[in-house]
Amino acid sequence: MLTVTRLDQADARLLVAGAAARARAIGVPMCIAVTDESGNLLAFERMDGGKVTSITVAQDKAFTAAAARKATHEYNQACVPGNLVFGIHTALSGRLSVVGGGLPVLVEGEVVGAIGLSSGTPQQDIDCAQAGIDHFLQHRQAVQL
């Protein structure tokens, strides 16, 4: 029998809030998705001006980061012709994302969920996703003190 640690709704809201704050700071309205450790959607926000095409992309980035337990940009670096992982982006009906912007959320070394962002450049998406994680972890740390 397994005991699973996962994000709850309050955690998901913290992740979204941190990512959205960073997106506002850089002037790029984003689509922000948060999933549990299995890649199932917990929270989603499309900021005013977030691209309609980014709705699905953000969710797929979060799904990939949670299910694969790795950042989507890591798949991007490996998913090149000639590498054995090339073509992974076609798996699961194209749901696995190799575009930067999906990050797993770790607590005490365990993946408890993921965050995916889309609407900016991949680097902007990564930056805002990391800001969401940083905000979440800072809040957790403050609560534990």
Protein backbone atom coordinates (compact mmCIF):
# COMPACT_ATOMS: atom_id res chain seq x y z
CA MET A 1 0.00 0.00 0.00
CA LEU A 2 1.26 3.49 -0.85
CA THR A 3 0.80 6.79 0.88
CA VAL A 4 0.68 9.63 -1.63
CA THR A 5 1.56 13.22 -0.85
CA ARG A 6 -0.04 15.71 -3.19
CA LEU A 7 -0.86 19.36 -3.52
CA ASP A 8 -4.20 20.58 -2.22
CA GLN A 9 -6.31 23.49 -3.46
CA ALA A 10 -4.62 26.00 -1.15
CA ASP A 11 -1.22 24.88 -2.47
CA ALA A 12 -2.42 25.16 -6.05
CA ARG A 13 -3.68 28.70 -5.43
CA LEU A 14 -0.28 29.69 -4.01
CA LEU A 15 1.47 28.33 -7.09
CA VAL A 16 -0.89 30.22 -9.41
CA ALA A 17 -0.55 33.43 -7.39
CA GLY A 18 3.25 33.35 -7.47
CA ALA A 19 3.38 32.60 -11.18
CA ALA A 20 0.78 35.27 -12.00
CA ALA A 21 2.65 37.89 -9.96
CA ARG A 22 5.82 37.21 -11.94
CA ALA A 23 3.89 37.25 -15.23
CA ARG A 24 2.46 40.68 -14.34
CA ALA A 25 5.95 41.90 -13.39
CA ILE A 26 7.35 40.96 -16.80
CA GLY A 27 4.24 42.15 -18.64
CA VAL A 28 3.26 38.81 -20.18
CA PRO A 29 -0.26 37.52 -19.44
CA MET A 30 -0.06 33.76 -19.01
CA CYS A 31 -2.13 30.62 -18.88
CA ILE A 32 -1.20 28.81 -15.66
CA ALA A 33 -2.02 25.16 -14.89
CA VAL A 34 -1.33 23.22 -11.70
CA THR A 35 -1.69 19.44 -11.46
CA ASP A 36 -1.39 16.84 -8.76
CA GLU A 37 1.47 14.32 -8.76
CA SER A 38 -0.30 12.20 -11.38
CA GLY A 39 -0.84 15.06 -13.82
CA ASN A 40 -4.54 15.64 -13.08
CA LEU A 41 -5.60 19.27 -13.18
CA LEU A 42 -6.09 20.99 -9.81
CA ALA A 43 -6.17 24.66 -10.80
CA PHE A 44 -6.08 26.77 -13.93
CA GLU A 45 -6.00 30.49 -14.62
CA ARG A 46 -6.00 32.27 -17.94
CA MET A 47 -4.86 35.78 -17.16
CA ASP A 48 -6.56 38.57 -19.12
CA GLY A 49 -4.73 38.53 -22.44
CA GLY A 50 -3.41 34.98 -22.08
CA LYS A 51 -3.36 33.27 -25.47
CA VAL A 52 -6.28 30.97 -26.20
CA THR A 53 -3.89 28.43 -27.74
CA SER A 54 -1.93 28.42 -24.49
CA ILE A 55 -4.82 26.98 -22.48
CA THR A 56 -4.11 23.42 -23.61
CA VAL A 57 -0.36 23.94 -23.88
CA ALA A 58 -0.06 25.03 -20.23
CA GLN A 59 -2.10 22.05 -19.06
CA ASP A 60 0.00 19.65 -21.16
CA LYS A 61 3.23 21.12 -19.76
CA ALA A 62 2.01 20.60 -16.18
CA PHE A 63 0.80 17.08 -17.03
CA THR A 64 4.18 16.17 -18.53
CA ALA A 65 6.21 17.61 -15.64
CA ALA A 66 4.13 15.70 -13.08
CA ALA A 67 3.76 12.40 -14.91
CA ALA A 68 7.36 12.27 -16.13
CA ARG A 69 8.73 13.75 -12.90
CA LYS A 70 10.96 16.13 -14.87
CA ALA A 71 10.92 19.59 -16.40
CA THR A 72 9.62 19.82 -19.94
CA HIS A 73 12.76 21.63 -21.11
CA GLU A 74 14.75 18.53 -20.14
CA TYR A 75 12.74 16.57 -22.71
CA ASN A 76 13.38 19.35 -25.22
CA GLN A 77 17.14 19.01 -24.81
CA ALA A 78 16.97 15.25 -25.34
CA CYS A 79 14.27 15.09 -28.01
CA VAL A 80 16.45 15.57 -31.08
CA PRO A 81 16.81 13.34 -34.14
CA GLY A 82 19.24 10.53 -33.43
CA ASN A 83 18.54 10.37 -29.69
CA LEU A 84 16.60 7.39 -28.45
CA VAL A 85 13.96 9.65 -26.87
CA PHE A 86 13.27 11.47 -30.15
CA GLY A 87 9.57 11.29 -30.89
CA ILE A 88 8.45 11.19 -27.24
CA HIS A 89 6.41 14.32 -27.95
CA THR A 90 4.08 12.22 -30.09
CA ALA A 91 3.27 9.87 -27.20
CA LEU A 92 -0.10 9.93 -25.48
CA SER A 93 -1.76 11.51 -28.51
CA GLY A 94 0.74 14.38 -28.43
CA ARG A 95 0.04 15.25 -24.80
CA LEU A 96 3.69 15.00 -23.69
CA SER A 97 5.23 18.44 -24.02
CA VAL A 98 8.86 19.10 -24.87
CA VAL A 99 8.46 22.89 -24.73
CA GLY A 100 9.98 24.68 -21.73
CA GLY A 101 7.55 25.92 -19.10
CA GLY A 102 6.50 22.80 -17.18
CA LEU A 103 8.16 22.11 -13.83
CA PRO A 104 7.54 19.44 -11.21
CA VAL A 105 6.82 20.67 -7.68
CA LEU A 106 8.95 18.89 -5.10
CA VAL A 107 8.50 18.78 -1.35
CA GLU A 108 11.19 16.97 0.62
CA GLY A 109 12.47 15.42 -2.60
CA GLU A 110 9.08 14.02 -3.62
CA VAL A 111 7.06 15.17 -6.64
CA VAL A 112 3.74 16.38 -5.22
CA GLY A 113 2.45 18.08 -8.37
CA ALA A 114 3.50 20.32 -11.23
CA ILE A 115 3.00 23.73 -12.76
CA GLY A 116 2.85 24.58 -16.45
CA LEU A 117 2.77 28.01 -18.07
CA SER A 118 2.27 29.16 -21.61
CA SER A 119 1.90 32.44 -23.54
CA GLY A 120 5.43 33.82 -23.29
CA THR A 121 8.69 32.53 -24.66
CA PRO A 122 9.77 29.19 -23.20
CA GLN A 123 12.26 31.03 -20.97
CA GLN A 124 9.55 33.42 -19.72
CA ASP A 125 7.26 30.44 -19.08
CA ILE A 126 10.02 28.67 -17.10
CA ASP A 127 10.77 31.86 -15.16
CA CYS A 128 7.14 32.33 -14.16
CA ALA A 129 6.71 28.64 -13.30
CA GLN A 130 9.75 28.83 -11.04
CA ALA A 131 8.35 31.99 -9.43
CA GLY A 132 5.18 30.05 -8.63
CA ILE A 133 7.19 27.27 -7.02
CA ASP A 134 9.34 29.75 -5.08
CA HIS A 135 6.22 31.52 -3.76
CA PHE A 136 4.70 28.18 -2.71
CA LEU A 137 7.89 27.01 -0.96
CA GLN A 138 8.38 30.35 0.82
CA HIS A 139 4.82 30.15 2.14
CA ARG A 140 5.36 26.57 3.32
CA GLN A 141 8.55 27.60 5.08
CA ALA A 142 6.87 30.58 6.77
CA VAL A 143 4.03 28.38 8.01
CA GLN A 144 6.45 25.84 9.46
CA LEU A 145 8.34 28.49 11.46
